[in-house]
């Protein structure tokens, strides 16, 4: 996934989906669903699927995601609703 200003070399995550399926995160955490319904789940369900990750790598990724995720959700303009909703 890219936005219009990103090139193919962009190293930032643009969505939570992209974050969890990144090679540094995929299968490095346990799935929290008791009966997981996903065909492809980024979390592990069995200990044999668990991938160990260097904590320094994980911390580096986590610093990028929240900034990008919150910036794209902030409204660019203030919405004024009709007085009936106030």
PDB file of N, CA and C in Angstrom:
ATOM      1  N   UNK A   1       0.837  -1.174   0.000  1.00  0.00           N
ATOM      2  CA  UNK A   1       0.000   0.000   0.000  1.00  0.00           C
ATOM      3  C   UNK A   1       0.881   1.235   0.000  1.00  0.00           C
ATOM      4  N   UNK A   2       0.539   2.177  -0.807  1.00  0.00           N
ATOM      5  CA  UNK A   2       1.289   3.421  -0.874  1.00  0.00           C
ATOM      6  C   UNK A   2       0.316   4.577  -0.898  1.00  0.00           C
ATOM      7  N   UNK A   3       0.765   5.723  -0.465  1.00  0.00           N
ATOM      8  CA  UNK A   3      -0.038   6.906  -0.733  1.00  0.00           C
ATOM      9  C   UNK A   3       0.624   7.644  -1.876  1.00  0.00           C
ATOM     10  N   UNK A   4       0.014   8.698  -2.353  1.00  0.00           N
ATOM     11  CA  UNK A   4       0.498   9.363  -3.560  1.00  0.00           C
ATOM     12  C   UNK A   4       1.895   9.939  -3.408  1.00  0.00           C
ATOM     13  N   UNK A   5       2.305  10.259  -2.192  1.00  0.00           N
ATOM     14  CA  UNK A   5       3.614  10.869  -2.004  1.00  0.00           C
ATOM     15  C   UNK A   5       4.723   9.853  -1.724  1.00  0.00           C
ATOM     16  N   UNK A   6       4.393   8.575  -1.612  1.00  0.00           N
ATOM     17  CA  UNK A   6       5.403   7.562  -1.304  1.00  0.00           C
ATOM     18  C   UNK A   6       5.917   6.883  -2.569  1.00  0.00           C
ATOM     19  N   UNK A   7       7.187   6.565  -2.550  1.00  0.00           N
ATOM     20  CA  UNK A   7       7.775   5.794  -3.644  1.00  0.00           C
ATOM     21  C   UNK A   7       7.837   4.331  -3.223  1.00  0.00           C
ATOM     22  N   UNK A   8       8.283   3.475  -4.107  1.00  0.00           N
ATOM     23  CA  UNK A   8       8.418   2.051  -3.787  1.00  0.00           C
ATOM     24  C   UNK A   8       9.453   1.810  -2.695  1.00  0.00           C
ATOM     25  N   UNK A   9      10.347   2.751  -2.470  1.00  0.00           N
ATOM     26  CA  UNK A   9      11.388   2.609  -1.457  1.00  0.00           C
ATOM     27  C   UNK A   9      10.932   3.073  -0.069  1.00  0.00           C
ATOM     28  N   UNK A  10       9.699   3.482   0.080  1.00  0.00           N
ATOM     29  CA  UNK A  10       9.196   3.970   1.372  1.00  0.00           C
ATOM     30  C   UNK A  10       9.334   2.869   2.423  1.00  0.00           C
ATOM     31  N   UNK A  11       9.861   3.218   3.592  1.00  0.00           N
ATOM     32  CA  UNK A  11      10.077   2.220   4.643  1.00  0.00           C
ATOM     33  C   UNK A  11       9.086   2.362   5.798  1.00  0.00           C
ATOM     34  N   UNK A  12       8.066   3.192   5.645  1.00  0.00           N
ATOM     35  CA  UNK A  12       7.083   3.401   6.712  1.00  0.00           C
ATOM     36  C   UNK A  12       5.873   2.501   6.544  1.00  0.00           C
ATOM     37  N   UNK A  13       5.223   2.181   7.642  1.00  0.00           N
ATOM     38  CA  UNK A  13       3.953   1.456   7.610  1.00  0.00           C
ATOM     39  C   UNK A  13       2.841   2.471   7.415  1.00  0.00           C
ATOM     40  N   UNK A  14       1.848   2.124   6.600  1.00  0.00           N
ATOM     41  CA  UNK A  14       0.743   3.033   6.338  1.00  0.00           C
ATOM     42  C   UNK A  14      -0.573   2.534   6.907  1.00  0.00           C
ATOM     43  N   UNK A  15      -0.568   1.356   7.482  1.00  0.00           N
ATOM     44  CA  UNK A  15      -1.784   0.810   8.092  1.00  0.00           C
ATOM     45  C   UNK A  15      -1.379  -0.226   9.133  1.00  0.00           C
ATOM     46  N   UNK A  16      -2.297  -0.541  10.014  1.00  0.00           N
ATOM     47  CA  UNK A  16      -2.036  -1.558  11.033  1.00  0.00           C
ATOM     48  C   UNK A  16      -1.883  -2.929  10.376  1.00  0.00           C
ATOM     49  N   UNK A  17      -2.603  -3.150   9.275  1.00  0.00           N
ATOM     50  CA  UNK A  17      -2.500  -4.401   8.522  1.00  0.00           C
ATOM     51  C   UNK A  17      -1.078  -4.571   7.992  1.00  0.00           C
ATOM     52  N   UNK A  18      -0.538  -3.521   7.402  1.00  0.00           N
ATOM     53  CA  UNK A  18       0.822  -3.558   6.868  1.00  0.00           C
ATOM     54  C   UNK A  18       1.836  -3.791   7.994  1.00  0.00           C
ATOM     55  N   UNK A  19       1.589  -3.232   9.151  1.00  0.00           N
ATOM     56  CA  UNK A  19       2.471  -3.405  10.304  1.00  0.00           C
ATOM     57  C   UNK A  19       2.525  -4.865  10.757  1.00  0.00           C
ATOM     58  N   UNK A  20       1.365  -5.483  10.974  1.00  0.00           N
ATOM     59  CA  UNK A  20       1.329  -6.852  11.496  1.00  0.00           C
ATOM     60  C   UNK A  20       1.847  -7.891  10.507  1.00  0.00           C
ATOM     61  N   UNK A  21       1.746  -7.643   9.212  1.00  0.00           N
ATOM     62  CA  UNK A  21       2.237  -8.594   8.224  1.00  0.00           C
ATOM     63  C   UNK A  21       3.656  -8.281   7.754  1.00  0.00           C
ATOM     64  N   UNK A  22       4.277  -7.276   8.361  1.00  0.00           N
ATOM     65  CA  UNK A  22       5.669  -6.965   8.043  1.00  0.00           C
ATOM     66  C   UNK A  22       6.532  -8.147   8.491  1.00  0.00           C
ATOM     67  N   UNK A  23       7.579  -8.495   7.740  1.00  0.00           N
ATOM     68  CA  UNK A  23       8.433  -9.638   8.120  1.00  0.00           C
ATOM     69  C   UNK A  23       9.017  -9.550   9.528  1.00  0.00           C
ATOM     70  N   UNK A  24       9.194  -8.351  10.065  1.00  0.00           N
ATOM     71  CA  UNK A  24       9.723  -8.223  11.426  1.00  0.00           C
ATOM     72  C   UNK A  24       8.675  -8.498  12.490  1.00  0.00           C
ATOM     73  N   UNK A  25       7.392  -8.523  12.142  1.00  0.00           N
ATOM     74  CA  UNK A  25       6.329  -8.732  13.123  1.00  0.00           C
ATOM     75  C   UNK A  25       5.595 -10.057  12.942  1.00  0.00           C
ATOM     76  N   UNK A  26       5.479 -10.529  11.713  1.00  0.00           N
ATOM     77  CA  UNK A  26       4.678 -11.711  11.383  1.00  0.00           C
ATOM     78  C   UNK A  26       5.077 -12.918  12.235  1.00  0.00           C
ATOM     79  N   UNK A  27       4.106 -13.484  12.942  1.00  0.00           N
ATOM     80  CA  UNK A  27       4.266 -14.673  13.798  1.00  0.00           C
ATOM     81  C   UNK A  27       5.216 -14.455  14.977  1.00  0.00           C
ATOM     82  N   UNK A  28       5.392 -13.196  15.416  1.00  0.00           N
ATOM     83  CA  UNK A  28       6.236 -12.923  16.580  1.00  0.00           C
ATOM     84  C   UNK A  28       5.402 -12.673  17.831  1.00  0.00           C
ATOM     85  N   UNK A  29       4.079 -12.785  17.727  1.00  0.00           N
ATOM     86  CA  UNK A  29       3.186 -12.594  18.870  1.00  0.00           C
ATOM     87  C   UNK A  29       2.051 -13.607  18.775  1.00  0.00           C
ATOM     88  N   UNK A  30       1.510 -13.965  19.929  1.00  0.00           N
ATOM     89  CA  UNK A  30       0.437 -14.961  19.973  1.00  0.00           C
ATOM     90  C   UNK A  30      -0.890 -14.329  19.557  1.00  0.00           C
ATOM     91  N   UNK A  31      -1.656 -15.052  18.743  1.00  0.00           N
ATOM     92  CA  UNK A  31      -2.995 -14.605  18.353  1.00  0.00           C
ATOM     93  C   UNK A  31      -3.877 -14.577  19.601  1.00  0.00           C
ATOM     94  N   UNK A  32      -4.664 -13.527  19.758  1.00  0.00           N
ATOM     95  CA  UNK A  32      -5.498 -13.375  20.953  1.00  0.00           C
ATOM     96  C   UNK A  32      -6.890 -13.977  20.797  1.00  0.00           C
ATOM     97  N   UNK A  33      -7.247 -14.438  19.599  1.00  0.00           N
ATOM     98  CA  UNK A  33      -8.567 -15.031  19.360  1.00  0.00           C
ATOM     99  C   UNK A  33      -8.587 -16.472  19.854  1.00  0.00           C
ATOM    100  N   UNK A  34      -9.620 -16.851  20.603  1.00  0.00           N
ATOM    101  CA  UNK A  34      -9.708 -18.243  21.056  1.00  0.00           C
ATOM    102  C   UNK A  34      -9.956 -19.181  19.879  1.00  0.00           C
ATOM    103  N   UNK A  35     -10.879 -18.843  19.029  1.00  0.00           N
ATOM    104  CA  UNK A  35     -11.157 -19.620  17.814  1.00  0.00           C
ATOM    105  C   UNK A  35     -10.928 -18.702  16.625  1.00  0.00           C
ATOM    106  N   UNK A  36      -9.699 -18.597  16.200  1.00  0.00           N
ATOM    107  CA  UNK A  36      -9.333 -17.660  15.142  1.00  0.00           C
ATOM    108  C   UNK A  36     -10.035 -18.036  13.841  1.00  0.00           C
ATOM    109  N   UNK A  37     -10.667 -17.065  13.229  1.00  0.00           N
ATOM    110  CA  UNK A  37     -11.421 -17.266  11.992  1.00  0.00           C
ATOM    111  C   UNK A  37     -10.642 -16.827  10.755  1.00  0.00           C
ATOM    112  N   UNK A  38      -9.482 -16.238  10.950  1.00  0.00           N
ATOM    113  CA  UNK A  38      -8.724 -15.700   9.816  1.00  0.00           C
ATOM    114  C   UNK A  38      -8.096 -16.825   8.990  1.00  0.00           C
ATOM    115  N   UNK A  39      -8.159 -16.683   7.675  1.00  0.00           N
ATOM    116  CA  UNK A  39      -7.465 -17.634   6.800  1.00  0.00           C
ATOM    117  C   UNK A  39      -5.954 -17.454   6.928  1.00  0.00           C
ATOM    118  N   UNK A  40      -5.526 -16.216   6.991  1.00  0.00           N
ATOM    119  CA  UNK A  40      -4.111 -15.897   7.176  1.00  0.00           C
ATOM    120  C   UNK A  40      -4.025 -14.968   8.379  1.00  0.00           C
ATOM    121  N   UNK A  41      -3.410 -15.427   9.444  1.00  0.00           N
ATOM    122  CA  UNK A  41      -3.333 -14.661  10.688  1.00  0.00           C
ATOM    123  C   UNK A  41      -1.883 -14.259  10.936  1.00  0.00           C
ATOM    124  N   UNK A  42      -1.629 -12.999  11.305  1.00  0.00           N
ATOM    125  CA  UNK A  42      -0.253 -12.588  11.563  1.00  0.00           C
ATOM    126  C   UNK A  42       0.311 -13.119  12.882  1.00  0.00           C
ATOM    127  N   UNK A  43      -0.557 -13.562  13.789  1.00  0.00           N
ATOM    128  CA  UNK A  43      -0.112 -14.107  15.070  1.00  0.00           C
ATOM    129  C   UNK A  43       0.076 -15.615  14.999  1.00  0.00           C
ATOM    130  N   UNK A  44       0.850 -16.161  15.917  1.00  0.00           N
ATOM    131  CA  UNK A  44       1.039 -17.614  15.916  1.00  0.00           C
ATOM    132  C   UNK A  44      -0.037 -18.280  16.773  1.00  0.00           C
ATOM    133  N   UNK A  45      -0.402 -19.516  16.396  1.00  0.00           N
ATOM    134  CA  UNK A  45      -1.401 -20.292  17.127  1.00  0.00           C
ATOM    135  C   UNK A  45      -0.770 -21.489  17.824  1.00  0.00           C
ATOM    136  N   UNK A  46       0.399 -21.864  17.378  1.00  0.00           N
ATOM    137  CA  UNK A  46       1.114 -23.022  17.901  1.00  0.00           C
ATOM    138  C   UNK A  46       2.554 -22.587  18.154  1.00  0.00           C
ATOM    139  N   UNK A  47       3.152 -23.047  19.227  1.00  0.00           N
ATOM    140  CA  UNK A  47       4.527 -22.664  19.580  1.00  0.00           C
ATOM    141  C   UNK A  47       5.519 -22.927  18.448  1.00  0.00           C
ATOM    142  N   UNK A  48       5.258 -23.930  17.622  1.00  0.00           N
ATOM    143  CA  UNK A  48       6.202 -24.240  16.534  1.00  0.00           C
ATOM    144  C   UNK A  48       6.214 -23.150  15.461  1.00  0.00           C
ATOM    145  N   UNK A  49       5.156 -22.317  15.404  1.00  0.00           N
ATOM    146  CA  UNK A  49       5.091 -21.226  14.429  1.00  0.00           C
ATOM    147  C   UNK A  49       5.685 -19.919  14.958  1.00  0.00           C
ATOM    148  N   UNK A  50       5.991 -19.876  16.273  1.00  0.00           N
ATOM    149  CA  UNK A  50       6.523 -18.658  16.886  1.00  0.00           C
ATOM    150  C   UNK A  50       7.879 -18.310  16.302  1.00  0.00           C
ATOM    151  N   UNK A  51       8.062 -17.037  15.946  1.00  0.00           N
ATOM    152  CA  UNK A  51       9.336 -16.540  15.440  1.00  0.00           C
ATOM    153  C   UNK A  51       9.932 -15.582  16.463  1.00  0.00           C
ATOM    154  N   UNK A  52      11.159 -15.836  16.879  1.00  0.00           N
ATOM    155  CA  UNK A  52      11.856 -14.970  17.831  1.00  0.00           C
ATOM    156  C   UNK A  52      12.323 -13.720  17.099  1.00  0.00           C
ATOM    157  N   UNK A  53      12.148 -12.579  17.718  1.00  0.00           N
ATOM    158  CA  UNK A  53      12.542 -11.320  17.104  1.00  0.00           C
ATOM    159  C   UNK A  53      13.438 -10.535  18.048  1.00  0.00           C
ATOM    160  N   UNK A  54      14.485  -9.957  17.504  1.00  0.00           N
ATOM    161  CA  UNK A  54      15.379  -9.106  18.270  1.00  0.00           C
ATOM    162  C   UNK A  54      14.578  -7.907  18.786  1.00  0.00           C
ATOM    163  N   UNK A  55      14.566  -7.644  20.101  1.00  0.00           N
ATOM    164  CA  UNK A  55      13.782  -6.521  20.656  1.00  0.00           C
ATOM    165  C   UNK A  55      14.151  -5.166  20.064  1.00  0.00           C
ATOM    166  N   UNK A  56      15.394  -4.985  19.659  1.00  0.00           N
ATOM    167  CA  UNK A  56      15.798  -3.707  19.064  1.00  0.00           C
ATOM    168  C   UNK A  56      15.091  -3.470  17.739  1.00  0.00           C
ATOM    169  N   UNK A  57      14.895  -4.527  16.982  1.00  0.00           N
ATOM    170  CA  UNK A  57      14.177  -4.411  15.711  1.00  0.00           C
ATOM    171  C   UNK A  57      12.721  -4.061  15.978  1.00  0.00           C
ATOM    172  N   UNK A  58      12.091  -4.760  16.905  1.00  0.00           N
ATOM    173  CA  UNK A  58      10.684  -4.502  17.215  1.00  0.00           C
ATOM    174  C   UNK A  58      10.482  -3.056  17.685  1.00  0.00           C
ATOM    175  N   UNK A  59      11.336  -2.558  18.544  1.00  0.00           N
ATOM    176  CA  UNK A  59      11.198  -1.187  19.040  1.00  0.00           C
ATOM    177  C   UNK A  59      11.361  -0.165  17.926  1.00  0.00           C
ATOM    178  N   UNK A  60      12.218  -0.457  16.990  1.00  0.00           N
ATOM    179  CA  UNK A  60      12.398   0.452  15.858  1.00  0.00           C
ATOM    180  C   UNK A  60      11.148   0.569  15.012  1.00  0.00           C
ATOM    181  N   UNK A  61      10.458  -0.543  14.791  1.00  0.00           N
ATOM    182  CA  UNK A  61       9.228  -0.520  14.001  1.00  0.00           C
ATOM    183  C   UNK A  61       8.130   0.191  14.773  1.00  0.00           C
ATOM    184  N   UNK A  62       8.013  -0.087  16.038  1.00  0.00           N
ATOM    185  CA  UNK A  62       6.912   0.468  16.827  1.00  0.00           C
ATOM    186  C   UNK A  62       6.981   1.989  16.927  1.00  0.00           C
ATOM    187  N   UNK A  63       8.147   2.555  16.795  1.00  0.00           N
ATOM    188  CA  UNK A  63       8.258   4.010  16.845  1.00  0.00           C
ATOM    189  C   UNK A  63       7.650   4.645  15.596  1.00  0.00           C
ATOM    190  N   UNK A  64       7.675   3.946  14.484  1.00  0.00           N
ATOM    191  CA  UNK A  64       7.168   4.482  13.221  1.00  0.00           C
ATOM    192  C   UNK A  64       5.649   4.426  13.156  1.00  0.00           C
ATOM    193  N   UNK A  65       5.057   3.330  13.548  1.00  0.00           N
ATOM    194  CA  UNK A  65       3.632   3.086  13.309  1.00  0.00           C
ATOM    195  C   UNK A  65       2.682   4.072  13.962  1.00  0.00           C
ATOM    196  N   UNK A  66       2.741   4.314  15.272  1.00  0.00           N
ATOM    197  CA  UNK A  66       1.735   5.198  15.851  1.00  0.00           C
ATOM    198  C   UNK A  66       1.691   6.577  15.210  1.00  0.00           C
ATOM    199  N   UNK A  67       2.839   7.143  14.885  1.00  0.00           N
ATOM    200  CA  UNK A  67       2.861   8.465  14.265  1.00  0.00           C
ATOM    201  C   UNK A  67       2.112   8.432  12.935  1.00  0.00           C
ATOM    202  N   UNK A  68       2.415   7.477  12.092  1.00  0.00           N
ATOM    203  CA  UNK A  68       1.748   7.388  10.795  1.00  0.00           C
ATOM    204  C   UNK A  68       0.268   7.086  10.951  1.00  0.00           C
ATOM    205  N   UNK A  69      -0.066   6.183  11.846  1.00  0.00           N
ATOM    206  CA  UNK A  69      -1.453   5.763  11.995  1.00  0.00           C
ATOM    207  C   UNK A  69      -2.319   6.916  12.481  1.00  0.00           C
ATOM    208  N   UNK A  70      -1.854   7.688  13.448  1.00  0.00           N
ATOM    209  CA  UNK A  70      -2.662   8.778  13.978  1.00  0.00           C
ATOM    210  C   UNK A  70      -2.713   9.961  13.022  1.00  0.00           C
ATOM    211  N   UNK A  71      -1.650  10.236  12.314  1.00  0.00           N
ATOM    212  CA  UNK A  71      -1.663  11.369  11.390  1.00  0.00           C
ATOM    213  C   UNK A  71      -2.689  11.178  10.284  1.00  0.00           C
ATOM    214  N   UNK A  72      -2.802   9.963   9.746  1.00  0.00           N
ATOM    215  CA  UNK A  72      -3.731   9.771   8.641  1.00  0.00           C
ATOM    216  C   UNK A  72      -5.188   9.767   9.102  1.00  0.00           C
ATOM    217  N   UNK A  73      -5.465   9.634  10.400  1.00  0.00           N
ATOM    218  CA  UNK A  73      -6.834   9.632  10.899  1.00  0.00           C
ATOM    219  C   UNK A  73      -7.291  11.019  11.356  1.00  0.00           C
ATOM    220  N   UNK A  74      -6.392  11.963  11.468  1.00  0.00           N
ATOM    221  CA  UNK A  74      -6.785  13.295  11.902  1.00  0.00           C
ATOM    222  C   UNK A  74      -7.518  13.998  10.774  1.00  0.00           C
ATOM    223  N   UNK A  75      -8.662  14.601  11.069  1.00  0.00           N
ATOM    224  CA  UNK A  75      -9.386  15.320  10.017  1.00  0.00           C
ATOM    225  C   UNK A  75      -8.612  16.555   9.587  1.00  0.00           C
ATOM    226  N   UNK A  76      -8.643  16.828   8.298  1.00  0.00           N
ATOM    227  CA  UNK A  76      -7.949  17.991   7.767  1.00  0.00           C
ATOM    228  C   UNK A  76      -8.793  19.257   7.927  1.00  0.00           C
ATOM    229  N   UNK A  77     -10.103  19.101   8.012  1.00  0.00           N
ATOM    230  CA  UNK A  77     -10.994  20.246   8.195  1.00  0.00           C
ATOM    231  C   UNK A  77     -11.957  19.966   9.338  1.00  0.00           C
ATOM    232  N   UNK A  78     -12.423  21.014   9.951  1.00  0.00           N
ATOM    233  CA  UNK A  78     -13.397  20.888  11.031  1.00  0.00           C
ATOM    234  C   UNK A  78     -14.783  20.712  10.422  1.00  0.00           C
ATOM    235  N   UNK A  79     -15.531  19.724  10.890  1.00  0.00           N
ATOM    236  CA  UNK A  79     -16.872  19.465  10.384  1.00  0.00           C
ATOM    237  C   UNK A  79     -17.876  20.151  11.294  1.00  0.00           C
ATOM    238  N   UNK A  80     -18.757  20.937  10.714  1.00  0.00           N
ATOM    239  CA  UNK A  80     -19.806  21.614  11.480  1.00  0.00           C
ATOM    240  C   UNK A  80     -21.126  20.922  11.185  1.00  0.00           C
ATOM    241  N   UNK A  81     -21.732  20.326  12.214  1.00  0.00           N
ATOM    242  CA  UNK A  81     -23.005  19.640  12.057  1.00  0.00           C
ATOM    243  C   UNK A  81     -24.154  20.632  12.225  1.00  0.00           C
ATOM    244  N   UNK A  82     -25.292  20.364  11.579  1.00  0.00           N
ATOM    245  CA  UNK A  82     -26.467  21.224  11.768  1.00  0.00           C
ATOM    246  C   UNK A  82     -26.867  21.257  13.241  1.00  0.00           C
ATOM    247  N   UNK A  83     -27.502  22.320  13.665  1.00  0.00           N
ATOM    248  CA  UNK A  83     -27.853  22.515  15.077  1.00  0.00           C
ATOM    249  C   UNK A  83     -28.777  21.436  15.620  1.00  0.00           C
ATOM    250  N   UNK A  84     -29.470  20.709  14.764  1.00  0.00           N
ATOM    251  CA  UNK A  84     -30.360  19.630  15.206  1.00  0.00           C
ATOM    252  C   UNK A  84     -29.579  18.548  15.951  1.00  0.00           C
ATOM    253  N   UNK A  85     -28.275  18.387  15.667  1.00  0.00           N
ATOM    254  CA  UNK A  85     -27.448  17.353  16.287  1.00  0.00           C
ATOM    255  C   UNK A  85     -26.743  17.835  17.547  1.00  0.00           C
ATOM    256  N   UNK A  86     -26.863  19.092  17.883  1.00  0.00           N
ATOM    257  CA  UNK A  86     -26.146  19.626  19.055  1.00  0.00           C
ATOM    258  C   UNK A  86     -26.937  19.453  20.318  1.00  0.00           C
TER     259      UNK A  86
END
